[in-house]
C-alpha atoms as a PDB file:
ATOM      1  CA  MET A   1      22.508 -63.699 -70.802  1.00  0.00           C
ATOM      2  CA  ILE A   2      25.467 -63.995 -68.435  1.00  0.00           C
ATOM      3  CA  LYS A   3      25.861 -63.629 -64.586  1.00  0.00           C
ATOM      4  CA  LEU A   4      26.673 -59.797 -64.983  1.00  0.00           C
ATOM      5  CA  ASP A   5      23.184 -59.401 -66.876  1.00  0.00           C
ATOM      6  CA  ILE A   6      21.559 -60.896 -63.897  1.00  0.00           C
ATOM      7  CA  ILE A   7      23.338 -58.802 -61.398  1.00  0.00           C
ATOM      8  CA  ASN A   8      22.463 -55.623 -63.419  1.00  0.00           C
ATOM      9  CA  GLU A   9      18.896 -56.657 -63.635  1.00  0.00           C
ATOM     10  CA  VAL A  10      18.843 -57.097 -59.758  1.00  0.00           C
ATOM     11  CA  VAL A  11      20.283 -53.515 -59.366  1.00  0.00           C
ATOM     12  CA  THR A  12      17.847 -52.007 -61.501  1.00  0.00           C
ATOM     13  CA  LYS A  13      14.674 -53.777 -60.057  1.00  0.00           C
ATOM     14  CA  THR A  14      15.694 -53.310 -56.474  1.00  0.00           C
ATOM     15  CA  GLY A  15      17.913 -50.321 -56.296  1.00  0.00           C
ATOM     16  CA  ILE A  16      20.671 -51.809 -54.166  1.00  0.00           C
ATOM     17  CA  THR A  17      24.217 -51.416 -54.868  1.00  0.00           C
ATOM     18  CA  LYS A  18      25.945 -53.309 -57.444  1.00  0.00           C
ATOM     19  CA  THR A  19      28.319 -55.043 -54.845  1.00  0.00           C
ATOM     20  CA  LYS A  20      25.304 -56.081 -52.722  1.00  0.00           C
ATOM     21  CA  ALA A  21      23.575 -57.454 -55.889  1.00  0.00           C
ATOM     22  CA  GLU A  22      26.762 -59.227 -56.937  1.00  0.00           C
ATOM     23  CA  LEU A  23      27.014 -60.786 -53.439  1.00  0.00           C
ATOM     24  CA  ALA A  24      23.283 -61.835 -53.396  1.00  0.00           C
ATOM     25  CA  VAL A  25      23.609 -63.583 -56.851  1.00  0.00           C
ATOM     26  CA  GLU A  26      26.753 -65.114 -55.979  1.00  0.00           C
ATOM     27  CA  THR A  27      25.278 -66.416 -52.795  1.00  0.00           C
ATOM     28  CA  VAL A  28      22.273 -67.795 -54.578  1.00  0.00           C
ATOM     29  CA  PHE A  29      24.568 -69.797 -57.132  1.00  0.00           C
ATOM     30  CA  GLU A  30      26.989 -71.044 -54.352  1.00  0.00           C
ATOM     31  CA  SER A  31      24.072 -72.464 -52.330  1.00  0.00           C
ATOM     32  CA  MET A  32      22.708 -74.106 -55.454  1.00  0.00           C
ATOM     33  CA  LYS A  33      26.117 -75.769 -56.196  1.00  0.00           C
ATOM     34  CA  LYS A  34      26.492 -76.997 -52.642  1.00  0.00           C
ATOM     35  CA  ALA A  35      22.909 -78.499 -52.590  1.00  0.00           C
ATOM     36  CA  LEU A  36      23.644 -80.147 -55.957  1.00  0.00           C
ATOM     37  CA  ALA A  37      26.995 -81.529 -54.531  1.00  0.00           C
ATOM     38  CA  LYS A  38      24.931 -83.096 -51.853  1.00  0.00           C
ATOM     39  CA  SER A  39      22.648 -84.604 -54.465  1.00  0.00           C
ATOM     40  CA  ASP A  40      19.688 -82.505 -53.202  1.00  0.00           C
ATOM     41  CA  ARG A  41      16.944 -81.467 -55.327  1.00  0.00           C
ATOM     42  CA  ILE A  42      16.369 -77.861 -56.244  1.00  0.00           C
ATOM     43  CA  GLU A  43      12.804 -76.926 -57.072  1.00  0.00           C
ATOM     44  CA  LEU A  44      12.090 -73.416 -58.165  1.00  0.00           C
ATOM     45  CA  ARG A  45       8.229 -73.039 -58.634  1.00  0.00           C
ATOM     46  CA  GLY A  46       7.263 -71.738 -61.989  1.00  0.00           C
ATOM     47  CA  PHE A  47      10.907 -72.090 -63.217  1.00  0.00           C
ATOM     48  CA  GLY A  48      11.839 -75.752 -63.044  1.00  0.00           C
ATOM     49  CA  VAL A  49      13.632 -78.368 -61.054  1.00  0.00           C
ATOM     50  CA  PHE A  50      17.340 -79.246 -60.986  1.00  0.00           C
ATOM     51  CA  ASN A  51      18.609 -82.633 -59.721  1.00  0.00           C
ATOM     52  CA  VAL A  52      21.569 -84.830 -60.003  1.00  0.00           C
ATOM     53  CA  ARG A  53      21.332 -88.274 -61.758  1.00  0.00           C
ATOM     54  CA  PRO A  54      23.798 -90.983 -61.984  1.00  0.00           C
ATOM     55  CA  ARG A  55      25.445 -91.464 -65.424  1.00  0.00           C
ATOM     56  CA  LYS A  56      26.004 -94.926 -66.798  1.00  0.00           C
ATOM     57  CA  THR A  57      29.531 -96.187 -67.603  1.00  0.00           C
ATOM     58  CA  GLY A  58      30.237 -96.157 -71.355  1.00  0.00           C
ATOM     59  CA  ILE A  59      32.751 -96.831 -73.959  1.00  0.00           C
ATOM     60  CA  GLY A  60      34.232 -93.866 -75.987  1.00  0.00           C
ATOM     61  CA  ARG A  61      36.801 -93.663 -78.851  1.00  0.00           C
ATOM     62  CA  ASN A  62      39.959 -91.703 -78.899  1.00  0.00           C
ATOM     63  CA  PRO A  63      39.456 -89.762 -82.231  1.00  0.00           C
ATOM     64  CA  ARG A  64      43.175 -89.693 -82.968  1.00  0.00           C
ATOM     65  CA  THR A  65      43.964 -93.295 -82.447  1.00  0.00           C
ATOM     66  CA  GLY A  66      40.598 -94.925 -82.699  1.00  0.00           C
ATOM     67  CA  ALA A  67      41.285 -96.837 -79.456  1.00  0.00           C
ATOM     68  CA  GLU A  68      38.374 -97.600 -77.245  1.00  0.00           C
ATOM     69  CA  VAL A  69      38.361 -95.809 -73.831  1.00  0.00           C
ATOM     70  CA  ASN A  70      36.278 -96.826 -70.751  1.00  0.00           C
ATOM     71  CA  ILE A  71      34.210 -93.801 -69.537  1.00  0.00           C
ATOM     72  CA  PRO A  72      33.677 -94.287 -65.743  1.00  0.00           C
ATOM     73  CA  PRO A  73      30.192 -93.801 -64.264  1.00  0.00           C
ATOM     74  CA  GLY A  74      29.533 -90.428 -62.915  1.00  0.00           C
ATOM     75  CA  LYS A  75      26.969 -87.926 -61.939  1.00  0.00           C
ATOM     76  CA  ALA A  76      25.210 -85.253 -64.228  1.00  0.00           C
ATOM     77  CA  VAL A  77      23.052 -82.373 -63.311  1.00  0.00           C
ATOM     78  CA  ARG A  78      19.613 -82.219 -65.091  1.00  0.00           C
ATOM     79  CA  PHE A  79      17.136 -79.541 -65.449  1.00  0.00           C
ATOM     80  CA  LYS A  80      13.375 -80.136 -66.084  1.00  0.00           C
ATOM     81  CA  PRO A  81      11.649 -76.666 -66.868  1.00  0.00           C
ATOM     82  CA  GLY A  82       8.379 -75.896 -65.076  1.00  0.00           C
ATOM     83  CA  LYS A  83       5.078 -75.449 -66.948  1.00  0.00           C
ATOM     84  CA  GLU A  84       5.375 -71.716 -66.931  1.00  0.00           C
ATOM     85  CA  LEU A  85       8.874 -71.775 -68.549  1.00  0.00           C
ATOM     86  CA  GLN A  86       7.736 -74.451 -71.089  1.00  0.00           C
ATOM     87  CA  SER A  87       4.864 -72.329 -72.253  1.00  0.00           C
ATOM     88  CA  ILE A  88       7.204 -69.369 -73.315  1.00  0.00           C
ATOM     89  CA  GLU A  89       6.302 -68.379 -76.996  1.00  0.00           C
END
């Protein structure tokens, strides 16, 4: 499923215009990005939880030369599915 599929689903379920549905979906995604950029936790009941966790520093290898490369610490977005999403068969 891609973003266009979500927009089309909103149009079919609500009957609003495609431009308004696109604006609504884009607004939701932008607000989620902003919240995650501030390291806020996003909890969608019945769906799951998005949060930002620190990523440890590490050592990688350049596949071409085999030289070791230091990987700096960073942040990674994690998703934990809710109970209803986990029980999908």
